[in-house]
Amino acid sequence: MQIAETIAPSGHVRAAINLGNPVLAQKDPRTGRPRGVSVDLARELGRRLDVPVELVPFDTAGRVFEALQRDAWDVAFLAIEPVRATEITFTAPYVILEGVYLVPEASPLRTIDDVDRAGARVAVVRGSAYDLYLTRSLTHAQLVRVATAAEATDVLVRDGLDAVAGVKQPIVAFGGAHPGFRVIPGRFMFIEQAVGIPKARDSAASYLRAFVEEMKASGFIARALAASGQADATVAPASK
């Protein structure tokens, strides 16, 4: 199939899996192997193309993007972002997440707008969609970039930062498990998760777009989210 040769010229699909976003992918507690909606999508894509799938795990989305320069993957499951779109062609989103802030319980920060004040320091995972977005949108607060989401919450406590920015589900889970913290109501952004392919191969983009639309319409995405314990994530609407 010509489209398979475009998407996977080596004869197998190398799928970049971001384990830094637990809504999309997690390590199976029994086997240690990746699982989740992005893994299920990668395997279904390989099945349709009739080629094997090689999962290429990364611990952050920023490292997925950096690995594009090494030709380390054929398709990736990342948030749509203008910086990334210079080198990656994206489908429409298949899952929509929210970016939120975690703060200490005693913090004077009460609203989303409160965070962008002079002197405020906000931890973000370097190269994440919310790092890139907040880099453009914050005018007063300072971003403190760290390697992983776990490190972000660590530095909040250790260095007395004012807030952590992150994906709603893991941030809410952390706040619920750690007394002394709270999540500021509302969101500072929507995070649109999509399938991406290197621009050098974007002749296959229309195939991937149709694939994602079918996966949403058929209930595949919703079932995969539920099977991995992420049923509260929002399946993106059909693309117009």
Protein backbone atom coordinates (compact mmCIF):
# COMPACT_ATOMS: atom_id res chain seq x y z
CA MET A 1 0.00 0.00 0.00
CA GLN A 2 1.46 3.36 -1.06
CA ILE A 3 0.24 5.14 2.06
CA ALA A 4 2.03 2.61 4.26
CA GLU A 5 5.29 3.32 2.45
CA THR A 6 4.83 7.04 3.12
CA ILE A 7 3.94 6.72 6.80
CA ALA A 8 6.34 3.87 7.57
CA PRO A 9 9.14 3.77 4.96
CA SER A 10 11.16 1.31 7.06
CA GLY A 11 8.34 -1.23 6.90
CA HIS A 12 7.10 -0.70 10.44
CA VAL A 13 5.40 2.22 12.19
CA ARG A 14 7.59 3.82 14.84
CA ALA A 15 5.05 5.47 17.14
CA ALA A 16 6.28 8.08 19.63
CA ILE A 17 4.45 7.57 22.92
CA ASN A 18 4.54 10.37 25.53
CA LEU A 19 4.47 8.70 28.95
CA GLY A 20 4.66 12.15 30.55
CA ASN A 21 0.93 12.63 29.94
CA PRO A 22 -0.85 9.86 31.89
CA VAL A 23 -4.18 10.61 30.22
CA LEU A 24 -2.72 9.41 26.90
CA ALA A 25 -0.30 6.70 27.97
CA GLN A 26 0.80 4.91 31.10
CA LYS A 27 3.09 2.02 32.00
CA ASP A 28 1.12 -1.15 32.64
CA PRO A 29 1.66 -1.92 36.36
CA ARG A 30 2.00 -5.65 35.62
CA THR A 31 4.15 -5.68 32.48
CA GLY A 32 5.80 -2.25 32.50
CA ARG A 33 4.87 -1.81 28.84
CA PRO A 34 3.09 1.30 27.54
CA ARG A 35 -0.70 1.25 27.34
CA GLY A 36 -3.44 3.84 26.85
CA VAL A 37 -5.34 5.57 24.09
CA SER A 38 -2.28 6.65 22.10
CA VAL A 39 -0.89 3.10 22.22
CA ASP A 40 -4.22 1.70 21.06
CA LEU A 41 -4.36 4.20 18.21
CA ALA A 42 -0.83 3.32 17.12
CA ARG A 43 -1.63 -0.37 17.05
CA GLU A 44 -4.87 0.18 15.13
CA LEU A 45 -3.02 2.31 12.59
CA GLY A 46 -0.45 -0.45 12.12
CA ARG A 47 -3.19 -3.02 11.71
CA ARG A 48 -4.85 -0.98 8.98
CA LEU A 49 -1.58 -0.39 7.19
CA ASP A 50 -0.68 -4.07 7.64
CA VAL A 51 2.73 -3.24 9.11
CA PRO A 52 4.24 -3.94 12.54
CA VAL A 53 4.21 -1.22 15.21
CA GLU A 54 7.23 -0.24 17.26
CA LEU A 55 6.39 1.85 20.33
CA VAL A 56 9.04 4.50 21.01
CA PRO A 57 8.45 5.82 24.55
CA PHE A 58 9.45 9.27 25.80
CA ASP A 59 9.02 10.81 29.23
CA THR A 60 7.96 14.25 27.97
CA ALA A 61 6.35 15.77 24.89
CA GLY A 62 9.31 18.13 24.52
CA ARG A 63 11.62 15.16 24.01
CA VAL A 64 9.27 13.72 21.40
CA PHE A 65 9.58 16.95 19.43
CA GLU A 66 13.36 17.06 19.85
CA ALA A 67 13.64 13.46 18.60
CA LEU A 68 12.12 14.46 15.27
CA GLN A 69 15.53 15.85 14.34
CA ARG A 70 17.01 12.35 14.77
CA ASP A 71 14.31 10.72 12.63
CA ALA A 72 13.36 8.70 15.70
CA TRP A 73 9.66 8.25 14.94
CA ASP A 74 7.12 8.09 12.11
CA VAL A 75 3.98 9.22 13.91
CA ALA A 76 3.56 10.97 17.24
CA PHE A 77 0.73 11.66 19.67
CA LEU A 78 1.18 15.28 20.75
CA ALA A 79 -0.76 18.43 21.47
CA ILE A 80 -1.27 20.76 18.53
CA GLU A 81 1.02 23.73 19.04
CA PRO A 82 2.26 26.50 16.69
CA VAL A 83 5.93 25.88 17.52
CA ARG A 84 5.58 22.19 16.73
CA ALA A 85 3.47 22.82 13.64
CA THR A 86 6.49 24.33 11.90
CA GLU A 87 7.90 20.79 11.58
CA ILE A 88 4.90 18.51 12.16
CA THR A 89 1.61 18.19 10.29
CA PHE A 90 -1.24 17.46 12.69
CA THR A 91 -4.64 15.86 12.37
CA ALA A 92 -7.63 17.39 14.09
CA PRO A 93 -7.60 16.62 17.83
CA TYR A 94 -8.90 13.32 19.16
CA VAL A 95 -8.83 14.29 22.87
CA ILE A 96 -9.15 17.72 24.45
CA LEU A 97 -7.55 18.31 27.84
CA GLU A 98 -7.29 21.39 30.06
CA GLY A 99 -4.30 23.20 31.49
CA VAL A 100 -4.71 24.16 35.16
CA TYR A 101 -2.70 25.53 38.08
CA LEU A 102 -1.88 23.87 41.41
CA VAL A 103 -0.98 26.15 44.31
CA PRO A 104 -0.33 25.79 48.05
CA GLU A 105 -3.52 25.94 50.12
CA ALA A 106 -2.47 29.22 51.75
CA SER A 107 -1.57 30.91 48.47
CA PRO A 108 -3.15 34.33 47.77
CA LEU A 109 -3.62 33.22 44.15
CA ARG A 110 -7.33 32.49 43.73
CA THR A 111 -8.09 32.89 40.04
CA ILE A 112 -6.36 32.05 36.76
CA ASP A 113 -5.58 35.72 36.15
CA ASP A 114 -4.02 36.06 39.61
CA VAL A 115 -1.10 33.86 38.55
CA ASP A 116 0.27 36.35 36.03
CA ARG A 117 1.68 38.80 38.54
CA ALA A 118 5.15 40.24 39.02
CA GLY A 119 7.34 37.97 41.13
CA ALA A 120 5.20 34.86 40.71
CA ARG A 121 7.12 31.72 39.73
CA VAL A 122 5.35 28.89 37.92
CA ALA A 123 6.80 25.42 37.36
CA VAL A 124 6.26 23.85 33.92
CA VAL A 125 7.62 20.80 32.13
CA ARG A 126 10.11 22.01 29.56
CA GLY A 127 8.77 21.82 26.00
CA SER A 128 5.23 20.85 27.03
CA ALA A 129 2.27 22.39 25.24
CA TYR A 130 1.48 24.49 28.31
CA ASP A 131 5.11 25.65 28.59
CA LEU A 132 4.98 26.87 24.98
CA TYR A 133 1.57 28.47 25.48
CA LEU A 134 2.45 30.22 28.76
CA THR A 135 5.73 31.44 27.26
CA ARG A 136 3.61 33.42 24.80
CA SER A 137 0.77 34.44 27.10
CA LEU A 138 2.23 35.33 30.51
CA THR A 139 3.54 38.87 30.75
CA HIS A 140 4.61 39.15 34.40
CA ALA A 141 5.03 35.71 36.00
CA GLN A 142 8.29 33.79 35.57
CA LEU A 143 8.32 30.21 34.26
CA VAL A 144 10.59 27.71 35.99
CA ARG A 145 11.25 24.86 33.55
CA VAL A 146 11.88 21.35 34.85
CA ALA A 147 12.39 17.96 33.22
CA THR A 148 9.28 16.07 34.36
CA ALA A 149 5.88 16.57 35.96
CA ALA A 150 7.10 14.89 39.16
CA GLU A 151 9.95 17.38 39.39
CA ALA A 152 7.50 20.26 38.92
CA THR A 153 5.60 19.38 42.09
CA ASP A 154 8.88 18.76 43.91
CA VAL A 155 10.24 22.23 43.16
CA LEU A 156 6.92 23.80 44.13
CA VAL A 157 7.57 22.59 47.67
CA ARG A 158 11.36 22.65 47.78
CA ASP A 159 11.90 26.08 46.24
CA GLY A 160 8.72 27.78 47.45
CA LEU A 161 7.32 28.39 43.98
CA ASP A 162 3.90 29.96 43.59
CA ALA A 163 2.23 27.46 41.24
CA VAL A 164 2.60 24.42 39.02
CA ALA A 165 0.99 24.38 35.57
CA GLY A 166 -0.08 21.07 34.08
CA VAL A 167 -2.71 18.79 32.63
CA LYS A 168 -5.88 18.81 34.71
CA GLN A 169 -6.27 15.08 35.49
CA PRO A 170 -2.83 14.44 37.05
CA ILE A 171 -2.83 17.85 38.73
CA VAL A 172 -6.22 17.17 40.34
CA ALA A 173 -5.04 13.69 41.37
CA PHE A 174 -1.93 15.14 43.01
CA GLY A 175 -3.95 17.76 44.85
CA GLY A 176 -6.38 15.14 46.10
CA ALA A 177 -3.58 12.94 47.40
CA HIS A 178 -1.56 15.72 49.04
CA PRO A 179 -3.28 17.87 51.68
CA GLY A 180 -2.04 21.44 51.68
CA PHE A 181 -2.55 22.05 47.96
CA ARG A 182 -5.49 23.12 45.84
CA VAL A 183 -6.31 23.53 42.16
CA ILE A 184 -7.31 27.01 41.02
CA PRO A 185 -10.80 26.84 39.45
CA GLY A 186 -11.00 27.14 35.69
CA ARG A 187 -8.38 26.56 33.01
CA PHE A 188 -5.70 28.66 31.35
CA MET A 189 -5.85 26.73 28.05
CA PHE A 190 -7.32 23.85 26.11
CA ILE A 191 -4.77 21.20 25.11
CA GLU A 192 -5.72 19.56 21.82
CA GLN A 193 -4.13 16.13 21.48
CA ALA A 194 -3.65 14.94 17.90
CA VAL A 195 -1.68 12.60 15.67
CA GLY A 196 1.35 14.18 14.01
CA ILE A 197 3.58 13.21 11.10
CA PRO A 198 6.83 14.87 9.96
CA LYS A 199 6.17 17.56 7.37
CA ALA A 200 8.45 15.76 4.94
CA ARG A 201 5.79 13.04 4.75
CA ASP A 202 2.65 15.13 4.96
CA SER A 203 1.29 13.62 1.76
CA ALA A 204 -0.11 11.02 4.20
CA ALA A 205 -1.81 13.68 6.34
CA SER A 206 -5.23 13.27 4.70
CA TYR A 207 -5.18 9.54 5.46
CA LEU A 208 -4.32 10.19 9.11
CA ARG A 209 -6.98 12.87 9.40
CA ALA A 210 -9.63 10.48 8.10
CA PHE A 211 -8.32 7.77 10.44
CA VAL A 212 -8.67 10.03 13.49
CA GLU A 213 -12.18 11.12 12.52
CA GLU A 214 -13.26 7.49 12.18
CA MET A 215 -11.71 6.59 15.53
CA LYS A 216 -13.69 9.36 17.21
CA ALA A 217 -16.98 8.63 15.46
CA SER A 218 -16.82 4.87 16.03
CA GLY A 219 -16.32 5.19 19.80
CA PHE A 220 -12.79 3.74 19.59
CA ILE A 221 -11.27 6.74 21.41
CA ALA A 222 -13.88 6.70 24.18
CA ARG A 223 -13.45 2.96 24.72
CA ALA A 224 -9.66 3.22 24.81
CA LEU A 225 -9.81 6.05 27.35
CA ALA A 226 -12.21 4.06 29.56
CA ALA A 227 -10.09 0.91 29.31
CA SER A 228 -7.04 2.80 30.60
CA GLY A 229 -8.90 4.48 33.46
CA GLN A 230 -9.24 7.87 31.76
CA ALA A 231 -12.97 7.96 31.06
CA ASP A 232 -13.25 11.54 32.32
CA ALA A 233 -11.11 12.84 29.44
CA THR A 234 -13.05 14.59 26.68
CA VAL A 235 -13.19 13.05 23.22
CA ALA A 236 -12.78 15.85 20.68
CA PRO A 237 -15.76 16.66 18.48
CA ALA A 238 -15.82 15.77 14.80
CA SER A 239 -13.68 18.05 12.67
CA LYS A 240 -15.64 20.41 10.42
